Amino acid sequence: GQQALAVMIRQFATEKFDRKKSWEAVLREFKIGLANGICISFLVLGAVFMLTSNYTLALVMSGALFIDMVLGAVVGGSIPIILKEFGRDPAQASSIFLTTITDSFGFLSLLGLAGLFLL
């Protein structure tokens, strides 16, 4: 998420604001987040399974991490655009919103998946 945020803010600093181009960059960040999420979640799946021998727990943890990584990429790319649309400086407040959203949804996805599959 922080990487997507930095990319978007840098784009605003070096180029004229173009709404269409900015949302295309969010789509690109989504694809990167998807690829990162898949890679990291498979590593976590293997590591948790090796440590606990509990396949359900490994799936829950890797699934929650995947959701959080994709969400972080999309939100990190979107927040600067939304703040720019409201006439605010994206460099000043973006990280606060990103951290709040990714932490909240990260806990929600982990606890939600754990509640569905482990209880």
Protein backbone atom coordinates (compact mmCIF):
# COMPACT_ATOMS: atom_id res chain seq x y z
CA GLY A 1 0.00 0.00 0.00
CA GLN A 2 2.74 2.46 0.89
CA GLN A 3 4.50 1.74 -2.40
CA ALA A 4 1.33 2.42 -4.40
CA LEU A 5 0.84 5.60 -2.39
CA ALA A 6 4.36 6.78 -3.15
CA VAL A 7 4.00 5.99 -6.85
CA MET A 8 0.77 8.00 -7.11
CA ILE A 9 2.09 11.00 -5.20
CA ARG A 10 5.24 10.98 -7.33
CA GLN A 11 3.08 10.89 -10.46
CA PHE A 12 1.19 13.96 -9.23
CA ALA A 13 4.44 15.78 -8.49
CA THR A 14 6.04 15.10 -11.88
CA GLU A 15 3.04 15.27 -14.23
CA LYS A 16 -0.11 17.29 -14.77
CA PHE A 17 -3.11 15.68 -13.06
CA ASP A 18 -5.04 13.53 -15.52
CA ARG A 19 -8.00 11.66 -14.02
CA LYS A 20 -8.04 8.86 -16.61
CA LYS A 21 -4.30 8.27 -16.42
CA SER A 22 -4.46 8.25 -12.62
CA TRP A 23 -7.15 5.55 -12.52
CA GLU A 24 -5.15 3.52 -15.04
CA ALA A 25 -2.27 3.71 -12.56
CA VAL A 26 -4.61 2.39 -9.84
CA LEU A 27 -5.45 -0.56 -12.09
CA ARG A 28 -1.72 -1.16 -12.59
CA GLU A 29 -1.18 -1.06 -8.81
CA PHE A 30 -4.07 -3.52 -8.40
CA LYS A 31 -2.32 -5.95 -10.74
CA ILE A 32 0.94 -5.55 -8.82
CA GLY A 33 -0.89 -6.05 -5.51
CA LEU A 34 -2.54 -9.15 -6.91
CA ALA A 35 0.80 -10.63 -7.99
CA ASN A 36 2.46 -9.74 -4.68
CA GLY A 37 -0.50 -11.08 -2.73
CA ILE A 38 -0.40 -14.41 -4.55
CA CYS A 39 3.35 -14.83 -4.06
CA ILE A 40 3.43 -13.82 -0.41
CA SER A 41 0.27 -15.73 0.52
CA PHE A 42 1.70 -18.94 -0.95
CA LEU A 43 4.88 -18.44 1.09
CA VAL A 44 2.82 -17.86 4.24
CA LEU A 45 0.62 -20.86 3.43
CA GLY A 46 3.69 -23.09 3.28
CA ALA A 47 5.36 -21.61 6.35
CA VAL A 48 2.26 -21.79 8.57
CA PHE A 49 1.49 -25.32 7.44
CA MET A 50 5.07 -26.42 8.14
CA LEU A 51 4.96 -24.85 11.61
CA THR A 52 1.48 -25.96 12.67
CA SER A 53 0.47 -28.86 10.36
CA ASN A 54 -2.95 -27.20 10.30
CA TYR A 55 -3.99 -26.63 6.70
CA THR A 56 -7.13 -24.65 7.63
CA LEU A 57 -5.14 -22.22 9.77
CA ALA A 58 -2.61 -21.81 6.97
CA LEU A 59 -5.39 -21.06 4.46
CA VAL A 60 -7.01 -18.54 6.80
CA MET A 61 -3.77 -16.67 7.42
CA SER A 62 -2.66 -16.68 3.80
CA GLY A 63 -6.14 -15.67 2.61
CA ALA A 64 -6.29 -12.74 5.01
CA LEU A 65 -2.83 -11.61 3.95
CA PHE A 66 -3.81 -11.85 0.28
CA ILE A 67 -6.92 -9.73 0.85
CA ASP A 68 -4.95 -7.13 2.80
CA MET A 69 -2.19 -6.87 0.19
CA VAL A 70 -4.61 -6.39 -2.70
CA LEU A 71 -6.67 -3.92 -0.69
CA GLY A 72 -3.53 -2.01 0.30
CA ALA A 73 -2.45 -1.65 -3.32
CA VAL A 74 -5.86 -0.42 -4.48
CA VAL A 75 -6.42 1.92 -1.54
CA GLY A 76 -2.83 3.19 -1.69
CA GLY A 77 -3.35 4.11 -5.32
CA SER A 78 -6.84 5.54 -4.85
CA ILE A 79 -6.49 7.75 -1.77
CA PRO A 80 -4.18 10.34 -3.38
CA ILE A 81 -6.59 10.69 -6.33
CA ILE A 82 -9.58 11.15 -4.04
CA LEU A 83 -7.75 13.72 -1.91
CA LYS A 84 -6.64 15.55 -5.05
CA GLU A 85 -10.26 15.62 -6.25
CA PHE A 86 -11.27 17.25 -2.95
CA GLY A 87 -8.54 19.86 -3.35
CA ARG A 88 -6.34 18.50 -0.56
CA ASP A 89 -2.63 17.78 -0.66
CA PRO A 90 -2.26 13.99 -1.02
CA ALA A 91 1.22 14.01 0.51
CA GLN A 92 -0.06 15.27 3.86
CA ALA A 93 -2.91 12.90 4.75
CA SER A 94 -2.71 9.84 2.52
CA SER A 95 -0.66 7.60 4.81
CA ILE A 96 -3.05 8.12 7.76
CA PHE A 97 -6.02 6.94 5.70
CA LEU A 98 -4.06 4.08 4.16
CA THR A 99 -2.89 2.76 7.52
CA THR A 100 -6.36 3.03 9.06
CA ILE A 101 -8.07 1.23 6.18
CA THR A 102 -5.52 -1.54 5.72
CA ASP A 103 -5.19 -2.22 9.46
CA SER A 104 -8.96 -2.27 9.97
CA PHE A 105 -9.71 -4.49 7.01
CA GLY A 106 -6.67 -6.67 7.72
CA PHE A 107 -7.98 -7.46 11.20
CA LEU A 108 -11.51 -7.82 9.87
CA SER A 109 -10.46 -10.27 7.15
CA LEU A 110 -8.28 -12.32 9.52
CA LEU A 111 -10.87 -12.51 12.27
CA GLY A 112 -13.72 -12.99 9.79
CA LEU A 113 -12.00 -15.86 8.00
CA ALA A 114 -10.93 -17.39 11.32
CA GLY A 115 -14.52 -17.15 12.58
CA LEU A 116 -15.86 -18.80 9.44
CA PHE A 117 -13.36 -21.62 9.13
CA LEU A 118 -11.81 -22.24 12.54
CA LEU A 119 -14.70 -21.90 14.98
